[in-house]
Structures are given as structure tokens and as C-alpha cells.
Protein backbone atom coordinates (compact mmCIF):
# COMPACT_ATOMS: atom_id res chain seq x y z
CA MET A 1 -10.25 -34.63 19.10
CA LYS A 2 -9.32 -31.82 21.24
CA SER A 3 -7.15 -33.09 24.59
CA GLU A 4 -8.58 -32.32 27.67
CA THR A 5 -5.32 -31.24 28.84
CA GLN A 6 -3.43 -29.59 25.83
CA THR A 7 -0.59 -27.98 26.12
CA ARG A 8 -0.78 -24.07 26.21
CA VAL A 9 0.29 -22.30 23.11
CA GLU A 10 1.35 -18.71 22.08
CA ILE A 11 -0.63 -17.86 19.04
CA GLY A 12 2.29 -16.87 16.89
CA GLN A 13 3.95 -19.74 17.69
CA LEU A 14 0.57 -21.87 16.47
CA ILE A 15 0.65 -20.01 13.71
CA ASP A 16 4.54 -20.37 12.88
CA GLU A 17 4.66 -23.81 13.07
CA ARG A 18 1.41 -25.00 11.04
CA PRO A 19 0.72 -24.95 7.35
CA LEU A 20 -1.58 -21.79 5.67
CA SER A 21 -4.68 -22.59 6.29
CA LEU A 22 -7.71 -22.08 4.16
CA LEU A 23 -8.56 -19.14 6.48
CA GLN A 24 -5.55 -17.13 6.15
CA ILE A 25 -5.52 -17.47 2.86
CA LEU A 26 -9.13 -16.32 2.87
CA VAL A 27 -7.67 -13.01 4.98
CA MET A 28 -4.50 -12.18 2.34
CA VAL A 29 -7.25 -13.15 -1.08
CA MET A 30 -9.58 -10.44 0.76
CA SER A 31 -7.04 -7.89 1.85
CA PHE A 32 -5.78 -8.11 -1.75
CA LEU A 33 -9.05 -6.81 -3.12
CA VAL A 34 -8.90 -4.25 -0.22
CA VAL A 35 -6.26 -3.04 -0.99
CA TRP A 36 -6.47 -3.59 -5.03
CA LEU A 37 -8.73 -0.08 -5.01
CA ASP A 38 -5.72 1.48 -3.72
CA GLY A 39 -3.74 1.09 -7.29
CA TYR A 40 -7.01 1.01 -9.42
CA HIS A 41 -8.32 4.31 -8.05
CA ILE A 42 -4.96 6.60 -7.38
CA GLN A 43 -4.09 5.58 -11.12
CA SER A 44 -7.73 6.08 -12.59
CA MET A 45 -7.42 9.65 -12.10
CA SER A 46 -4.31 10.20 -13.14
CA LEU A 47 -5.45 8.50 -16.25
CA VAL A 48 -8.56 10.29 -17.48
CA VAL A 49 -6.85 13.41 -16.76
CA PRO A 50 -5.83 14.07 -20.24
CA THR A 51 -9.68 13.24 -21.71
CA LEU A 52 -11.25 15.23 -18.69
CA ALA A 53 -8.81 18.25 -19.39
CA ALA A 54 -10.15 18.46 -23.30
CA GLU A 55 -13.96 17.56 -22.48
CA TRP A 56 -13.74 20.48 -19.75
CA SER A 57 -11.11 22.73 -21.77
CA VAL A 58 -9.25 23.60 -18.62
CA LYS A 59 -5.10 22.46 -18.59
CA SER A 60 -4.10 19.37 -17.24
CA THR A 61 -2.24 21.02 -14.92
CA ASP A 62 -5.19 22.93 -13.38
CA PHE A 63 -5.98 19.41 -11.50
CA LYS A 64 -3.55 19.19 -9.11
CA LEU A 65 -5.58 19.85 -6.51
CA VAL A 66 -7.94 17.00 -7.55
CA VAL A 67 -4.94 14.88 -7.99
CA SER A 68 -3.43 15.89 -4.15
CA SER A 69 -6.95 15.60 -2.90
CA ALA A 70 -7.38 12.02 -2.76
CA LEU A 71 -3.91 11.89 -1.15
CA ILE A 72 -4.87 14.71 1.41
CA GLY A 73 -7.04 12.24 2.26
CA ILE A 74 -5.13 9.26 2.08
CA LEU A 75 -2.69 11.00 4.53
CA LEU A 76 -5.47 11.90 6.93
CA GLY A 77 -7.24 8.35 7.29
CA SER A 78 -3.74 6.55 7.45
CA ALA A 79 -3.67 9.08 10.25
CA PHE A 80 -6.75 9.09 12.40
CA ILE A 81 -8.89 6.58 11.15
CA ALA A 82 -6.92 3.39 10.51
CA SER A 83 -5.34 3.98 14.09
CA LEU A 84 -9.13 2.75 15.21
CA GLY A 85 -8.71 -0.61 13.80
CA ASP A 86 -6.75 -1.31 16.53
CA SER A 87 -9.32 -0.54 19.06
CA TRP A 88 -12.80 -1.19 17.20
CA GLY A 89 -11.21 -3.83 15.10
CA ARG A 90 -9.71 -4.15 11.48
CA ARG A 91 -12.38 -6.05 9.83
CA LYS A 92 -15.28 -3.22 11.11
CA ILE A 93 -12.90 -0.39 9.66
CA LEU A 94 -12.30 -2.42 6.08
CA ILE A 95 -16.19 -2.47 5.70
CA ILE A 96 -16.74 0.73 6.87
CA SER A 97 -14.14 2.15 4.73
CA MET A 98 -15.46 -0.10 1.54
CA VAL A 99 -18.39 1.51 1.42
CA ILE A 100 -16.87 4.90 1.84
CA ILE A 101 -15.16 4.46 -1.30
CA GLY A 102 -18.04 2.75 -2.77
CA ILE A 103 -20.64 6.00 -2.42
CA SER A 104 -17.21 8.52 -3.02
CA SER A 105 -16.33 6.48 -6.34
CA ILE A 106 -19.53 6.78 -8.07
CA GLY A 107 -20.06 10.23 -6.69
CA THR A 108 -16.41 11.10 -8.53
CA GLY A 109 -18.04 9.63 -11.71
CA TYR A 110 -20.83 11.99 -11.41
CA SER A 111 -19.31 15.21 -10.76
CA THR A 112 -19.77 18.06 -12.73
CA THR A 113 -17.37 20.91 -11.04
CA MET A 114 -13.74 20.77 -10.34
CA MET A 115 -14.87 21.31 -7.04
CA HIS A 116 -17.41 18.63 -6.27
CA LEU A 117 -13.76 16.18 -7.90
CA VAL A 118 -12.02 17.55 -5.01
CA ILE A 119 -14.47 16.71 -2.07
CA TRP A 120 -15.22 13.37 -3.98
CA ARG A 121 -11.84 12.52 -4.26
CA PHE A 122 -10.84 13.08 -0.88
CA LEU A 123 -13.82 11.40 0.86
CA THR A 124 -12.24 8.70 -0.98
CA GLY A 125 -9.04 9.34 0.21
CA LEU A 126 -10.29 8.80 3.41
CA GLY A 127 -11.32 5.57 3.08
CA LEU A 128 -8.29 3.84 1.21
CA GLY A 129 -5.86 5.82 3.61
CA SER A 130 -8.06 3.75 6.52
CA SER A 131 -7.81 0.54 4.38
CA ILE A 132 -4.64 -0.09 3.20
CA ALA A 133 -3.28 0.24 7.09
CA ASN A 134 -5.76 -2.08 7.98
CA ALA A 135 -5.50 -5.07 5.59
CA THR A 136 -1.77 -4.80 5.84
CA ALA A 137 -2.03 -5.50 9.87
CA LEU A 138 -5.06 -8.47 9.58
CA THR A 139 -2.67 -10.05 6.60
CA SER A 140 0.21 -9.53 9.53
CA ASP A 141 -1.42 -10.96 11.99
CA TYR A 142 -2.40 -14.27 10.31
CA VAL A 143 0.69 -14.93 8.62
CA PRO A 144 4.15 -16.87 9.99
CA SER A 145 6.56 -14.56 10.75
CA LYS A 146 9.07 -16.44 8.71
CA ARG A 147 7.55 -15.59 5.58
CA ARG A 148 5.88 -12.74 6.75
CA ALA A 149 7.50 -10.37 4.09
CA ALA A 150 6.73 -12.42 1.30
CA LEU A 151 3.72 -13.08 2.32
CA VAL A 152 2.35 -9.37 2.80
CA THR A 153 3.84 -8.20 -0.59
CA VAL A 154 1.61 -11.05 -2.47
CA MET A 155 -0.55 -9.22 -0.49
CA PHE A 156 0.15 -5.23 -1.15
CA SER A 157 0.65 -6.48 -4.80
CA GLY A 158 -2.74 -5.55 -5.04
CA VAL A 159 -1.85 -1.99 -5.47
CA SER A 160 0.26 -2.28 -8.26
CA ILE A 161 -2.44 -5.20 -9.82
CA GLY A 162 -5.01 -2.42 -9.62
CA ALA A 163 -3.37 0.06 -10.64
CA PHE A 164 -2.40 -2.13 -13.71
CA THR A 165 -5.60 -3.19 -14.21
CA SER A 166 -6.95 0.15 -14.12
CA GLY A 167 -3.98 1.43 -16.73
CA TYR A 168 -5.17 -1.11 -19.40
CA ILE A 169 -9.12 -0.94 -19.02
CA ALA A 170 -9.12 2.59 -19.02
CA ALA A 171 -8.99 2.93 -22.70
CA PRO A 172 -11.73 1.01 -23.77
CA ILE A 173 -13.70 2.32 -20.71
CA ILE A 174 -13.13 5.82 -21.51
CA ALA A 175 -13.77 5.02 -25.68
CA HIS A 176 -17.17 3.34 -24.58
CA PHE A 177 -18.38 4.84 -21.34
CA GLY A 178 -16.16 8.59 -21.27
CA TRP A 179 -14.31 9.11 -17.83
CA ARG A 180 -16.95 8.90 -15.85
CA GLY A 181 -17.47 5.06 -16.32
CA LEU A 182 -14.04 4.14 -14.49
CA PHE A 183 -15.27 6.14 -11.27
CA VAL A 184 -19.06 3.81 -11.38
CA ILE A 185 -16.81 1.25 -11.83
CA GLY A 186 -14.21 1.71 -9.02
CA GLY A 187 -17.78 2.44 -7.13
CA ALA A 188 -19.43 -0.98 -7.67
CA VAL A 189 -16.82 -2.59 -6.87
CA PRO A 190 -15.71 -1.62 -3.37
CA LEU A 191 -19.52 -2.45 -2.38
CA PHE A 192 -18.92 -5.46 -3.56
CA VAL A 193 -16.31 -6.18 -1.38
CA ALA A 194 -18.21 -4.80 1.78
CA VAL A 195 -20.60 -7.12 1.53
CA LEU A 196 -18.05 -10.11 1.12
CA LEU A 197 -15.89 -8.37 4.16
CA ALA A 198 -19.18 -8.51 6.19
CA LEU A 199 -20.31 -12.32 5.20
CA ALA A 200 -16.43 -14.03 5.84
CA LEU A 201 -13.95 -11.86 6.84
CA PRO A 202 -12.86 -12.40 10.55
CA GLU A 203 -11.58 -10.55 13.10
CA SER A 204 -7.56 -10.50 14.20
CA LEU A 205 -7.65 -13.28 16.10
CA ARG A 206 -3.78 -12.03 18.00
CA LEU A 207 -5.54 -8.54 18.59
CA LEU A 208 -8.79 -10.45 20.02
CA LEU A 209 -6.01 -12.77 22.15
CA ALA A 210 -4.30 -9.74 23.02
CA LYS A 211 -7.55 -7.25 24.65
CA ASP A 212 -10.19 -9.99 25.26
CA PRO A 213 -8.89 -13.54 25.58
CA GLU A 214 -12.49 -14.12 26.51
CA ASN A 215 -13.95 -13.06 23.69
CA PRO A 216 -16.94 -15.47 21.50
CA ARG A 217 -15.50 -14.73 18.54
CA ILE A 218 -11.98 -16.38 19.10
CA PRO A 219 -13.37 -20.54 19.14
CA LYS A 220 -15.09 -19.98 15.91
CA ILE A 221 -12.13 -18.48 14.24
CA LEU A 222 -9.51 -21.25 15.42
CA ALA A 223 -12.22 -23.65 14.24
CA ARG A 224 -11.65 -22.42 10.73
CA MET A 225 -8.00 -22.59 11.05
CA ALA A 226 -7.10 -24.89 13.69
CA PRO A 227 -9.81 -27.37 14.54
CA ASP A 228 -7.61 -29.47 16.51
CA VAL A 229 -6.83 -26.81 18.77
CA ASP A 230 -8.66 -26.38 22.25
CA PRO A 231 -9.21 -22.64 22.25
CA ARG A 232 -8.80 -22.39 26.07
CA SER A 233 -5.64 -23.65 25.10
CA VAL A 234 -4.04 -20.79 23.16
CA PHE A 235 -2.64 -17.69 24.44
CA ALA A 236 -1.44 -13.94 23.48
CA ARG A 237 2.17 -13.25 25.07
CA LYS A 238 2.15 -9.80 27.13
CA GLN A 239 3.20 -7.16 24.57
CA ASP A 240 5.63 -3.88 25.36
CA VAL A 241 3.01 -1.56 24.85
CA LYS A 242 2.75 0.87 27.54
CA ARG A 243 -0.09 2.91 25.68
CA GLN A 244 -2.83 1.95 22.78
CA SER A 245 -1.75 5.84 20.77
CA ALA A 246 0.32 7.05 18.32
CA LEU A 247 2.84 8.61 20.88
CA GLU A 248 3.68 5.21 21.51
CA LEU A 249 5.11 4.86 18.31
CA LEU A 250 7.96 7.49 19.66
CA SER A 251 8.33 5.93 22.75
CA LYS A 252 11.81 4.78 23.88
CA THR A 253 11.14 0.97 22.61
CA TYR A 254 10.15 2.08 18.42
CA MET A 255 11.37 5.43 18.25
CA LYS A 256 14.62 4.92 16.03
CA GLY A 257 13.01 2.57 13.83
CA THR A 258 9.90 4.50 13.65
CA LEU A 259 11.68 7.32 12.69
CA LEU A 260 13.09 5.43 9.86
CA LEU A 261 10.63 3.91 8.39
CA TRP A 262 8.98 7.37 8.56
CA PHE A 263 11.57 8.78 6.11
CA VAL A 264 12.18 6.31 3.92
CA PHE A 265 8.13 5.91 3.52
CA PHE A 266 8.10 9.99 2.89
CA VAL A 267 11.10 10.28 0.38
CA ASN A 268 9.81 6.84 -1.90
CA MET A 269 6.18 7.99 -1.97
CA PHE A 270 7.29 11.14 -2.74
CA ILE A 271 9.06 9.47 -6.04
CA LEU A 272 6.44 6.37 -6.87
CA TYR A 273 3.38 9.21 -6.52
CA LEU A 274 5.23 11.25 -9.03
CA LEU A 275 5.41 8.24 -11.22
CA VAL A 276 2.27 7.45 -10.75
CA LEU A 277 0.15 10.63 -11.27
CA TRP A 278 2.46 11.97 -13.77
CA LEU A 279 3.52 9.74 -15.77
CA PRO A 280 0.82 9.54 -18.45
CA THR A 281 1.42 13.51 -18.99
CA LEU A 282 5.06 13.27 -19.30
CA LEU A 283 5.10 10.46 -21.83
CA SER A 284 2.48 12.21 -23.50
CA THR A 285 4.77 15.21 -23.87
CA GLN A 286 7.25 13.28 -24.78
CA GLY A 287 5.10 11.84 -28.38
CA TRP A 288 3.64 8.50 -27.02
CA SER A 289 0.26 8.11 -27.78
CA ALA A 290 -2.46 8.58 -24.90
CA SER A 291 -3.32 4.68 -24.68
CA ARG A 292 0.67 4.22 -24.99
CA ALA A 293 1.58 6.37 -22.77
CA MET A 294 -1.05 4.96 -20.04
CA ARG A 295 0.60 1.35 -20.93
CA GLY A 296 3.85 2.57 -20.39
CA ALA A 297 3.03 4.25 -16.78
CA VAL A 298 1.58 1.17 -15.28
CA MET A 299 4.62 -0.80 -16.12
CA ILE A 300 5.73 0.71 -13.12
CA GLN A 301 3.80 -1.05 -11.58
CA LEU A 302 4.30 -4.23 -13.41
CA GLY A 303 8.01 -3.95 -12.47
CA GLY A 304 6.72 -3.34 -8.30
CA VAL A 305 5.44 -6.35 -8.47
CA MET A 306 8.49 -8.15 -10.13
CA GLY A 307 10.62 -6.85 -7.70
CA GLY A 308 8.94 -6.60 -4.57
CA LEU A 309 8.57 -10.66 -4.85
CA ILE A 310 12.42 -11.09 -4.81
CA LEU A 311 13.05 -8.26 -2.47
CA SER A 312 10.89 -9.79 -0.17
CA TRP A 313 12.51 -13.02 -0.78
CA TYR A 314 15.68 -11.62 0.67
CA VAL A 315 13.94 -9.86 3.61
CA ASP A 316 12.89 -13.15 4.88
CA LYS A 317 16.19 -14.51 4.53
CA GLY A 318 18.01 -11.59 7.06
CA ARG A 319 19.25 -9.40 3.70
CA THR A 320 16.74 -6.34 4.02
CA VAL A 321 19.94 -4.09 3.87
CA VAL A 322 21.67 -5.40 0.88
CA ALA A 323 18.82 -6.24 -1.60
CA THR A 324 17.28 -2.91 -0.96
CA ILE A 325 19.58 -1.00 -1.64
CA THR A 326 21.07 -3.01 -4.67
CA ALA A 327 17.37 -2.25 -6.23
CA TYR A 328 17.54 1.47 -5.55
CA LEU A 329 20.66 1.98 -6.99
CA LEU A 330 19.40 0.24 -9.90
CA CYS A 331 16.57 2.25 -10.42
CA GLY A 332 18.71 5.16 -10.01
CA VAL A 333 21.00 4.28 -13.00
CA ALA A 334 17.68 3.75 -15.12
CA PHE A 335 17.04 7.35 -14.05
CA VAL A 336 19.86 8.65 -16.00
CA LEU A 337 19.45 6.26 -18.66
CA PHE A 338 16.27 8.30 -19.75
CA ALA A 339 18.32 11.06 -20.93
CA VAL A 340 20.67 8.70 -22.70
CA LEU A 341 18.31 6.17 -24.80
CA PRO A 342 15.56 6.99 -26.82
CA SER A 343 12.39 6.81 -25.86
CA THR A 344 10.88 5.53 -28.99
CA GLY A 345 11.61 1.41 -29.34
CA ILE A 346 11.52 -1.04 -26.04
CA SER A 347 14.51 0.69 -24.27
CA TRP A 348 12.44 3.41 -21.88
CA TRP A 349 9.59 0.36 -21.40
CA LEU A 350 12.65 -1.78 -20.42
CA LEU A 351 13.91 1.19 -17.39
CA LEU A 352 10.26 1.91 -16.60
CA LEU A 353 10.30 -1.89 -15.70
CA VAL A 354 13.35 -1.19 -13.47
CA VAL A 355 11.96 1.98 -11.92
CA GLY A 356 9.36 -0.01 -11.13
CA ALA A 357 11.22 -2.60 -9.12
CA GLY A 358 12.52 -0.29 -7.11
CA ILE A 359 10.69 2.19 -6.29
CA SER A 360 7.22 0.40 -6.30
CA GLY A 361 9.18 -2.85 -5.12
CA GLY A 362 11.06 -0.97 -2.57
CA GLN A 363 7.45 0.31 -1.33
CA PHE A 364 6.48 -3.48 -0.85
CA VAL A 365 9.67 -3.96 1.20
CA ILE A 366 8.86 -1.25 3.80
CA ASN A 367 5.37 -1.94 4.07
CA ALA A 368 6.21 -5.38 5.16
CA LEU A 369 8.95 -4.06 7.30
CA ALA A 370 6.49 -1.68 9.09
CA ALA A 371 3.85 -4.55 9.89
CA GLY A 372 6.53 -6.82 11.20
CA PHE A 373 7.76 -3.91 13.19
CA TYR A 374 5.24 -3.29 15.82
CA PRO A 375 3.33 -5.54 18.11
CA THR A 376 -0.55 -6.53 17.28
CA ILE A 377 -1.81 -3.88 19.64
CA ILE A 378 -0.72 -0.79 18.01
CA ARG A 379 0.20 -2.70 14.26
CA SER A 380 -3.02 -0.74 12.55
CA THR A 381 -1.62 2.34 13.78
CA GLY A 382 2.01 2.14 13.83
CA VAL A 383 1.53 0.64 10.22
CA GLY A 384 -1.06 4.07 9.67
CA TRP A 385 1.28 6.35 11.15
CA ALA A 386 3.73 4.66 8.71
CA PHE A 387 1.46 5.27 5.23
CA SER A 388 0.39 9.05 6.84
CA ILE A 389 3.64 10.13 6.62
CA GLY A 390 4.54 8.35 3.55
CA ARG A 391 1.45 10.22 1.88
CA ILE A 392 2.78 13.43 3.05
CA GLY A 393 5.40 12.76 0.09
CA ALA A 394 2.73 11.84 -1.63
CA VAL A 395 1.09 15.08 -1.91
CA LEU A 396 3.84 17.09 -2.16
CA SER A 397 4.69 15.13 -5.61
CA GLY A 398 1.60 16.08 -6.52
CA PHE A 399 2.13 19.92 -6.77
CA ALA A 400 5.53 19.31 -7.74
CA GLY A 401 4.98 16.98 -10.52
CA GLY A 402 2.11 20.08 -11.85
CA LEU A 403 4.63 22.86 -11.08
CA ILE A 404 7.74 20.98 -13.29
CA LEU A 405 5.16 20.27 -15.96
CA GLU A 406 3.97 24.30 -15.64
CA ARG A 407 7.58 24.90 -15.92
CA GLN A 408 7.56 22.41 -19.26
CA VAL A 409 10.68 20.67 -18.45
CA ALA A 410 11.46 18.07 -20.48
CA PRO A 411 10.68 14.17 -18.97
CA PHE A 412 13.99 13.31 -19.54
CA ALA A 413 15.23 15.83 -17.36
CA VAL A 414 12.42 15.28 -14.53
CA LEU A 415 12.82 11.32 -14.01
CA GLY A 416 17.29 12.14 -13.92
CA MET A 417 16.07 14.62 -10.94
CA LEU A 418 14.47 11.69 -9.11
CA VAL A 419 18.38 10.31 -9.17
CA VAL A 420 18.77 12.80 -5.53
CA PRO A 421 15.47 11.26 -3.86
CA VAL A 422 16.60 7.30 -4.81
CA LEU A 423 19.91 7.89 -3.32
CA MET A 424 18.34 9.36 0.30
CA CYS A 425 16.33 5.97 0.18
CA VAL A 426 19.67 4.09 -0.34
CA ALA A 427 21.12 6.99 2.77
CA GLY A 428 17.58 5.40 5.13
CA VAL A 429 17.77 1.76 4.01
CA TYR A 430 21.74 1.91 4.96
CA MET A 431 20.65 2.98 8.55
CA PHE A 432 17.99 0.02 8.96
CA LYS A 433 21.31 -2.21 9.40
CA ASN A 434 21.06 -2.54 13.41
CA THR A 435 16.82 -1.66 13.28
CA PHE A 436 15.79 -4.47 10.77
CA GLN A 437 18.51 -6.44 10.06
CA PRO A 438 17.93 -9.76 10.65
CA ALA A 439 14.51 -9.46 8.84
CA PRO A 440 11.84 -8.23 11.74
CA ALA A 441 9.82 -11.61 11.03
CA ALA A 442 12.91 -13.15 13.22
CA ALA A 443 14.17 -10.11 14.97
CA MET A 444 10.14 -9.53 16.49
CA ALA A 445 9.16 -12.89 16.71
CA GLY A 446 9.32 -12.66 19.95
CA LYS A 447 7.07 -9.37 20.78
CA ARG A 448 4.28 -11.15 19.14
């Protein structure tokens, strides 16, 4: 029974002091499904390039613009559409994004020219870009600060699992339904997810309390999360934000953290997407069969899930810098070993797993840091712009990979060259020391 004189409680404190409710788990699961689509769709295009090139009698490198168009869409969606989640609501943007992804993916499956592919993939990217940032922000809004890094990482592992799923189902789907089947299926799923979101996903409770404390949805959401708490007793602490726009990210309060996040997002995503987009082709060039190359490429994603979960534990314990730098250095050693160890047998598979743990796992960590660094009312904007800057690196990696392949550089040499950007990530993370240490969950708790 609710007390008539119940003490007022700040929403962050309420979430931190209670075990996860079914509603919070539901938010995480649905956000997982949303980001799963990012991994599936980005990996799918790289997997069908060899098949599509043979069918259309063109070179794999002719798909540079197709591969990069989705990344350009993600870049623009992350920067200019994702931020609408802070004003329109995260739930609404997620539903609209799922519909865009569904329609454009089906359109990709019915493409008959290179330009059709470019257009549809660009639109798919817009939907992906706007959805990823809002799913990350929504999950961060609903999880306890002391476990934020771990729980955001669990949610965001959907990206790697989506890519892993795509890699393992691509060969049989292409064999039975052709390359188009991969995109038709990839269009049906987000349309189904859109219906699920519309029926069950709540709006961000933190966002509603911060912007509109009298919103009638607040008591309904609280009844699902904490039915014993009087909605009138719950409030959101005033946040240190002067304007709800991207310019706030570069204000004195947030500038240093923002620039550091942008730097590491840019470099890490350059490495990650060069691997995601071009590794199947690189492995095929090394003599791997098409199906083996597809499965080898998704070892990056499997390593990412494993590495991300381990690293997030250290982040929540306040050991962000040491843990992440260690992971990057191990990754750098693995890149060097590609030139030493034979590509046959198990050695390259294990190296791909280590690389995934460092690069993809490192991406999970900085995603969680970004989500924890910004206050609720600019969280979608902050996370969206971090992803957008990162996608600039991803776009450049799409073109860079194509140019490298055109020059027929040996696969082990391509992988060895990635040691340089890995060391740049080490330098960037080292500078996190005074901004994100201890973990943002603890350091920034007072701003929530």
C-alpha cells in the first residue's frame, strides 16, 4: 500500500536502490533487438558482395559506394535524427526507425542496379543511425548507475550477435533463396519489432520526469516498475544543461569528455568497420572458401561479446583505463602475429577472436562511457553525435578497404597496418584517466 506521506525520492536513486524489474529487463531486451539489426545489416552487405559481384559480372571493389552508403546514412541518422529522441521521445524515434529499416531493407532485396542498392542502403543507414543511439540512451536511462557499463554492454552485444547471426545464416539463405533473401528477411524482422515496440516499450521515465513531471504516462510506467512507490514522490534532479542541442556537448562542462570520446569513437570504428566490411574478402584472397571466410569474419563479433563483457566489469569497478589499454595492446600484438602465423589451421581463428575482444569489445566500453557521461535530457544527442563521429571513421574505412584491395596488398599486411590506429586508441584511452576514471556510473551519478 502506498504511503500518503512517502518521502520524495530522486529517480536515479530509486533505480539504483532496487533490483531490476521486469519492465527494466523488457527495455533491455527490446533495445537488444533494435541494435541486433545494426549488426545484421552491416554484416549482410559485406557477406553478399562476392555473390553479387559474380551475378552482376563486376568486381568486388565496385561496391565501395554501396558499402559506404549505409555508413553515410548511419552517420547522418546518428547526428541529426537520433537527437530528436531527446525532444520527441526515444520510443517514438525507435518505432519510426524500425519502419524505415524494414521498408528499405526489403527495397534492397529487390534492387536491380548499383544505384538502387546505394539509395536503399543509405535509407537503411538512416534508420540504423537514429535507432542505435536511442536504444543505448533508453537502456542507460533504465539501468542502475553502478551496473551501467555491464548492462549497456549486454544490451549492445546485440550488434555483435546480429553480425554473428548474419554470418552463420548467410550461406544457407543465399544457397536456397539467393542474396535477396538475406535482405527480405532483414526487412521483415524490424517491421515485426516495430509492432512489439509500439505495444510494450515505455518511454524513458528519466526523460519524462526531467522535461514534463506532470506527464500522465509517468504513473503508468512507475506502476510497472515500482508499484509500491507513490508517483507524486518521484522527481528528477535539475540537470546542468543550458540548452538541449548538440552545441551543449561542446560547452565547458562537457567539452573535454566529448572530444576524447569523439577521437576514440572515430579511430576504433575505422578499424572495426574495415574488418566488418572487408574481412570476408580479405580472407577469401588469402585462400579461404567463401563459407569459411564468412564464418571467420564473424569471429570478430564473438570476440567482441566476450571482450565487452569482461571489460565492462572492470569499467564498473573504476578500472576503465588499465583494462581497455590492455585489451588494445593485446589486439595490436594479434595484428602483428597475422604476418607470422600460418592462415591454415586454428591460429588465425584465435587471432580474429583476440582482435574482436579488443576492437569490438573496446567499442562496447566507449558506448557505455558515452551513455553514462551525458545527462538524460541530452543523452540521445550526446550518444548520437559520438556514433556519428565514429561513423565518419567507418565511412572512410569503407573506401580505404576498397582502395587497399584494388592495390592487391597481402591480407596479413593489411591487418598488420592496423597496429597504428590501435596505438592511437591506446593514446586516446590513456587521456580518459581524469575524465572517465572512476567509472562514469560513479563519477557522474550526482548529475542524473
